[in-house]
Amino acid sequence: TTMRVWDVLFNEGVKVLFRVALAIFK
C-alpha cells in the first residue's frame, strides 16, 4: 500500500537525518 511506502521512506529518512546530526555534532 502507499502508506507502507511512506512509512519506509520516513523511517529511512529519520535514520539518515540522525546520522547527519551525529556527524555535525562530532
PDB file of N, CA and C in Angstrom:
ATOM      1  N   THR A   1       0.837  -1.204   0.000  1.00  0.00           N
ATOM      2  CA  THR A   1       0.000   0.000   0.000  1.00  0.00           C
ATOM      3  C   THR A   1       0.873   1.256   0.000  1.00  0.00           C
ATOM      4  N   THR A   2       0.275   2.371  -0.321  1.00  0.00           N
ATOM      5  CA  THR A   2       1.018   3.629  -0.366  1.00  0.00           C
ATOM      6  C   THR A   2       1.534   3.995   1.024  1.00  0.00           C
ATOM      7  N   MET A   3       0.714   3.750   2.045  1.00  0.00           N
ATOM      8  CA  MET A   3       1.107   4.090   3.414  1.00  0.00           C
ATOM      9  C   MET A   3       2.373   3.351   3.818  1.00  0.00           C
ATOM     10  N   ARG A   4       2.510   2.093   3.402  1.00  0.00           N
ATOM     11  CA  ARG A   4       3.714   1.326   3.746  1.00  0.00           C
ATOM     12  C   ARG A   4       4.939   1.972   3.105  1.00  0.00           C
ATOM     13  N   VAL A   5       4.792   2.410   1.853  1.00  0.00           N
ATOM     14  CA  VAL A   5       5.912   3.046   1.156  1.00  0.00           C
ATOM     15  C   VAL A   5       6.348   4.297   1.911  1.00  0.00           C
ATOM     16  N   TRP A   6       5.380   5.140   2.288  1.00  0.00           N
ATOM     17  CA  TRP A   6       5.706   6.365   3.014  1.00  0.00           C
ATOM     18  C   TRP A   6       6.322   6.048   4.366  1.00  0.00           C
ATOM     19  N   ASP A   7       5.818   4.967   5.021  1.00  0.00           N
ATOM     20  CA  ASP A   7       6.345   4.584   6.325  1.00  0.00           C
ATOM     21  C   ASP A   7       7.818   4.211   6.212  1.00  0.00           C
ATOM     22  N   VAL A   8       8.156   3.441   5.184  1.00  0.00           N
ATOM     23  CA  VAL A   8       9.549   3.030   4.970  1.00  0.00           C
ATOM     24  C   VAL A   8      10.418   4.246   4.665  1.00  0.00           C
ATOM     25  N   LEU A   9       9.931   5.118   3.782  1.00  0.00           N
ATOM     26  CA  LEU A   9      10.706   6.308   3.423  1.00  0.00           C
ATOM     27  C   LEU A   9      10.936   7.189   4.645  1.00  0.00           C
ATOM     28  N   PHE A  10       9.911   7.332   5.478  1.00  0.00           N
ATOM     29  CA  PHE A  10      10.028   8.155   6.678  1.00  0.00           C
ATOM     30  C   PHE A  10      11.057   7.566   7.635  1.00  0.00           C
ATOM     31  N   ASN A  11      10.990   6.247   7.849  1.00  0.00           N
ATOM     32  CA  ASN A  11      11.939   5.585   8.755  1.00  0.00           C
ATOM     33  C   ASN A  11      13.365   5.733   8.252  1.00  0.00           C
ATOM     34  N   GLU A  12      13.579   5.520   6.963  1.00  0.00           N
ATOM     35  CA  GLU A  12      14.926   5.663   6.393  1.00  0.00           C
ATOM     36  C   GLU A  12      15.391   7.111   6.498  1.00  0.00           C
ATOM     37  N   GLY A  13      14.485   8.043   6.257  1.00  0.00           N
ATOM     38  CA  GLY A  13      14.821   9.465   6.330  1.00  0.00           C
ATOM     39  C   GLY A  13      15.282   9.852   7.726  1.00  0.00           C
ATOM     40  N   VAL A  14      14.591   9.317   8.735  1.00  0.00           N
ATOM     41  CA  VAL A  14      14.953   9.614  10.122  1.00  0.00           C
ATOM     42  C   VAL A  14      16.352   9.090  10.416  1.00  0.00           C
ATOM     43  N   LYS A  15      16.663   7.890   9.930  1.00  0.00           N
ATOM     44  CA  LYS A  15      17.991   7.307  10.146  1.00  0.00           C
ATOM     45  C   LYS A  15      19.065   8.185   9.512  1.00  0.00           C
ATOM     46  N   VAL A  16      18.817   8.645   8.281  1.00  0.00           N
ATOM     47  CA  VAL A  16      19.790   9.479   7.579  1.00  0.00           C
ATOM     48  C   VAL A  16      19.991  10.802   8.323  1.00  0.00           C
ATOM     49  N   LEU A  17      18.888  11.438   8.723  1.00  0.00           N
ATOM     50  CA  LEU A  17      18.988  12.711   9.435  1.00  0.00           C
ATOM     51  C   LEU A  17      19.743  12.535  10.745  1.00  0.00           C
ATOM     52  N   PHE A  18      19.487  11.402  11.430  1.00  0.00           N
ATOM     53  CA  PHE A  18      20.162  11.141  12.699  1.00  0.00           C
ATOM     54  C   PHE A  18      21.662  11.000  12.489  1.00  0.00           C
ATOM     55  N   ARG A  19      22.052  10.295  11.436  1.00  0.00           N
ATOM     56  CA  ARG A  19      23.478  10.116  11.136  1.00  0.00           C
ATOM     57  C   ARG A  19      24.122  11.454  10.805  1.00  0.00           C
ATOM     58  N   VAL A  20      23.435  12.280  10.032  1.00  0.00           N
ATOM     59  CA  VAL A  20      23.968  13.599   9.666  1.00  0.00           C
ATOM     60  C   VAL A  20      24.137  14.452  10.919  1.00  0.00           C
ATOM     61  N   ALA A  21      23.144  14.402  11.806  1.00  0.00           N
ATOM     62  CA  ALA A  21      23.205  15.180  13.046  1.00  0.00           C
ATOM     63  C   ALA A  21      24.406  14.741  13.880  1.00  0.00           C
ATOM     64  N   LEU A  22      24.626  13.434  13.985  1.00  0.00           N
ATOM     65  CA  LEU A  22      25.771  12.927  14.753  1.00  0.00           C
ATOM     66  C   LEU A  22      27.077  13.401  14.128  1.00  0.00           C
ATOM     67  N   ALA A  23      27.151  13.370  12.806  1.00  0.00           N
ATOM     68  CA  ALA A  23      28.369  13.788  12.110  1.00  0.00           C
ATOM     69  C   ALA A  23      28.657  15.269  12.378  1.00  0.00           C
ATOM     70  N   ILE A  24      27.600  16.078  12.412  1.00  0.00           N
ATOM     71  CA  ILE A  24      27.766  17.521  12.635  1.00  0.00           C
ATOM     72  C   ILE A  24      28.225  17.794  14.068  1.00  0.00           C
ATOM     73  N   PHE A  25      27.632  17.088  15.031  1.00  0.00           N
ATOM     74  CA  PHE A  25      27.957  17.335  16.436  1.00  0.00           C
ATOM     75  C   PHE A  25      29.312  16.788  16.860  1.00  0.00           C
ATOM     76  N   LYS A  26      29.884  15.880  16.064  1.00  0.00           N
ATOM     77  CA  LYS A  26      31.189  15.328  16.436  1.00  0.00           C
ATOM     78  C   LYS A  26      32.282  16.377  16.273  1.00  0.00           C
TER      79      LYS A  26
END
